[in-house]
Amino acid sequence: MKGNKEGKKEARKKNRKGETDEREVKFRFYAPDAQEVYLAGDFNGWHPQELLMKKSKDGTWEAKVKLPPGKHEYKLLVDRRWVHDVPTAELVANPFGTQNCVIWVSNGQ
């Protein structure tokens, strides 16, 4: 696991132009009846109440996060309950017997 964290640090290094390789990623989740939706993942230390998503008028919750290229695992905390069935998300088993969602960020090349 240590190697994975080191790889993500490497991806955050600046390129020749002095810019990071991070890309803005938009997370969306439709839950019109939810009172609050948080996004937690390997990119924020899995802190469940650090990144509150914003609710649009149509009931879709959104958050924008800058991520380095590569694989990132995440989950949604909806009204204090972890959601394991995010439509269209790639899923991977986690050590707790449930699943995490996966998002792949390209390097833009």
Protein backbone atom coordinates (compact mmCIF):
# COMPACT_ATOMS: atom_id res chain seq x y z
CA MET A 1 0.00 0.00 0.00
CA LYS A 2 2.89 2.32 0.71
CA GLY A 3 4.02 2.12 -2.89
CA ASN A 4 0.57 3.24 -4.06
CA LYS A 5 0.72 6.39 -1.92
CA GLU A 6 4.21 7.16 -3.18
CA GLY A 7 2.98 6.78 -6.76
CA LYS A 8 0.22 9.31 -6.14
CA LYS A 9 2.73 11.76 -4.67
CA GLU A 10 4.86 11.33 -7.78
CA ALA A 11 1.83 12.09 -9.97
CA ARG A 12 1.32 15.40 -8.12
CA LYS A 13 4.78 16.64 -9.01
CA LYS A 14 4.92 19.56 -11.38
CA ASN A 15 5.52 19.05 -15.08
CA ARG A 16 7.97 21.04 -17.20
CA LYS A 17 5.56 23.96 -17.39
CA GLY A 18 5.34 24.15 -13.58
CA GLU A 19 1.80 22.77 -13.52
CA THR A 20 0.58 19.70 -11.70
CA ASP A 21 -0.85 16.81 -13.68
CA GLU A 22 -4.05 16.87 -11.63
CA ARG A 23 -7.38 16.93 -13.44
CA GLU A 24 -10.66 18.33 -12.18
CA VAL A 25 -13.10 15.47 -11.81
CA LYS A 26 -16.83 15.95 -11.29
CA PHE A 27 -18.59 13.39 -9.10
CA ARG A 28 -22.38 13.16 -9.50
CA PHE A 29 -24.98 11.17 -7.61
CA TYR A 30 -28.75 11.33 -7.95
CA ALA A 31 -30.50 11.26 -4.57
CA PRO A 32 -33.37 13.76 -4.55
CA ASP A 33 -34.58 12.77 -1.08
CA ALA A 34 -31.18 12.91 0.62
CA GLN A 35 -30.46 15.59 3.18
CA GLU A 36 -26.68 15.39 2.86
CA VAL A 37 -24.18 13.53 0.69
CA TYR A 38 -20.46 13.39 1.42
CA LEU A 39 -17.67 12.11 -0.80
CA ALA A 40 -14.82 10.17 0.83
CA GLY A 41 -11.94 8.39 -0.82
CA ASP A 42 -8.24 7.72 -0.99
CA PHE A 43 -7.81 11.32 -2.20
CA ASN A 44 -9.01 12.83 1.09
CA GLY A 45 -7.82 10.22 3.58
CA TRP A 46 -11.28 8.62 3.66
CA HIS A 47 -12.55 11.40 5.92
CA PRO A 48 -16.30 10.83 5.70
CA GLN A 49 -17.46 14.36 6.49
CA GLU A 50 -14.78 16.45 4.85
CA LEU A 51 -16.24 16.89 1.37
CA LEU A 52 -19.93 17.81 1.33
CA MET A 53 -21.46 17.57 -2.13
CA LYS A 54 -23.80 20.30 -3.40
CA LYS A 55 -27.39 19.49 -4.32
CA SER A 56 -28.85 20.83 -7.55
CA LYS A 57 -32.53 21.57 -8.13
CA ASP A 58 -33.05 18.26 -9.93
CA GLY A 59 -31.82 16.24 -6.93
CA THR A 60 -28.35 15.49 -8.27
CA TRP A 61 -25.48 15.95 -5.85
CA GLU A 62 -22.17 17.16 -7.27
CA ALA A 63 -18.60 17.73 -6.16
CA LYS A 64 -15.48 18.72 -8.08
CA VAL A 65 -12.12 17.37 -6.96
CA LYS A 66 -8.66 17.74 -8.48
CA LEU A 67 -7.05 14.32 -8.79
CA PRO A 68 -3.75 13.08 -10.18
CA PRO A 69 -3.84 10.51 -12.98
CA GLY A 70 -4.48 6.92 -11.96
CA LYS A 71 -6.95 4.81 -10.05
CA HIS A 72 -8.88 6.31 -7.14
CA GLU A 73 -11.29 4.57 -4.79
CA TYR A 74 -14.19 6.35 -3.14
CA LYS A 75 -17.56 5.96 -1.43
CA LEU A 76 -20.55 8.17 -0.78
CA LEU A 77 -22.00 8.79 2.65
CA VAL A 78 -25.70 9.55 2.17
CA ASP A 79 -27.60 10.66 5.26
CA ARG A 80 -24.97 8.97 7.48
CA ARG A 81 -25.10 5.65 5.57
CA TRP A 82 -22.46 4.34 3.18
CA VAL A 83 -23.85 3.75 -0.30
CA HIS A 84 -22.59 0.60 -2.03
CA ASP A 85 -24.69 0.70 -5.20
CA VAL A 86 -23.63 3.73 -7.20
CA PRO A 87 -25.06 3.23 -10.70
CA THR A 88 -22.51 2.76 -13.50
CA ALA A 89 -19.54 2.82 -11.11
CA GLU A 90 -16.77 0.26 -11.30
CA LEU A 91 -16.60 -1.55 -7.96
CA VAL A 92 -13.74 -3.18 -6.08
CA ALA A 93 -13.77 -5.17 -2.83
CA ASN A 94 -12.34 -3.46 0.22
CA PRO A 95 -10.89 -4.98 3.42
CA PHE A 96 -14.14 -4.34 5.32
CA GLY A 97 -16.24 -6.80 3.32
CA THR A 98 -18.02 -4.15 1.27
CA GLN A 99 -17.14 -2.44 -1.98
CA ASN A 100 -15.60 0.85 -3.03
CA CYS A 101 -16.30 2.72 -6.22
CA VAL A 102 -13.41 3.28 -8.62
CA ILE A 103 -12.67 6.19 -10.89
CA TRP A 104 -9.78 6.28 -13.35
CA VAL A 105 -8.22 9.65 -14.17
CA SER A 106 -6.31 9.87 -17.45
CA ASN A 107 -3.03 11.70 -17.73
CA GLY A 108 -4.43 13.88 -20.51
CA GLN A 109 -1.95 12.77 -23.14
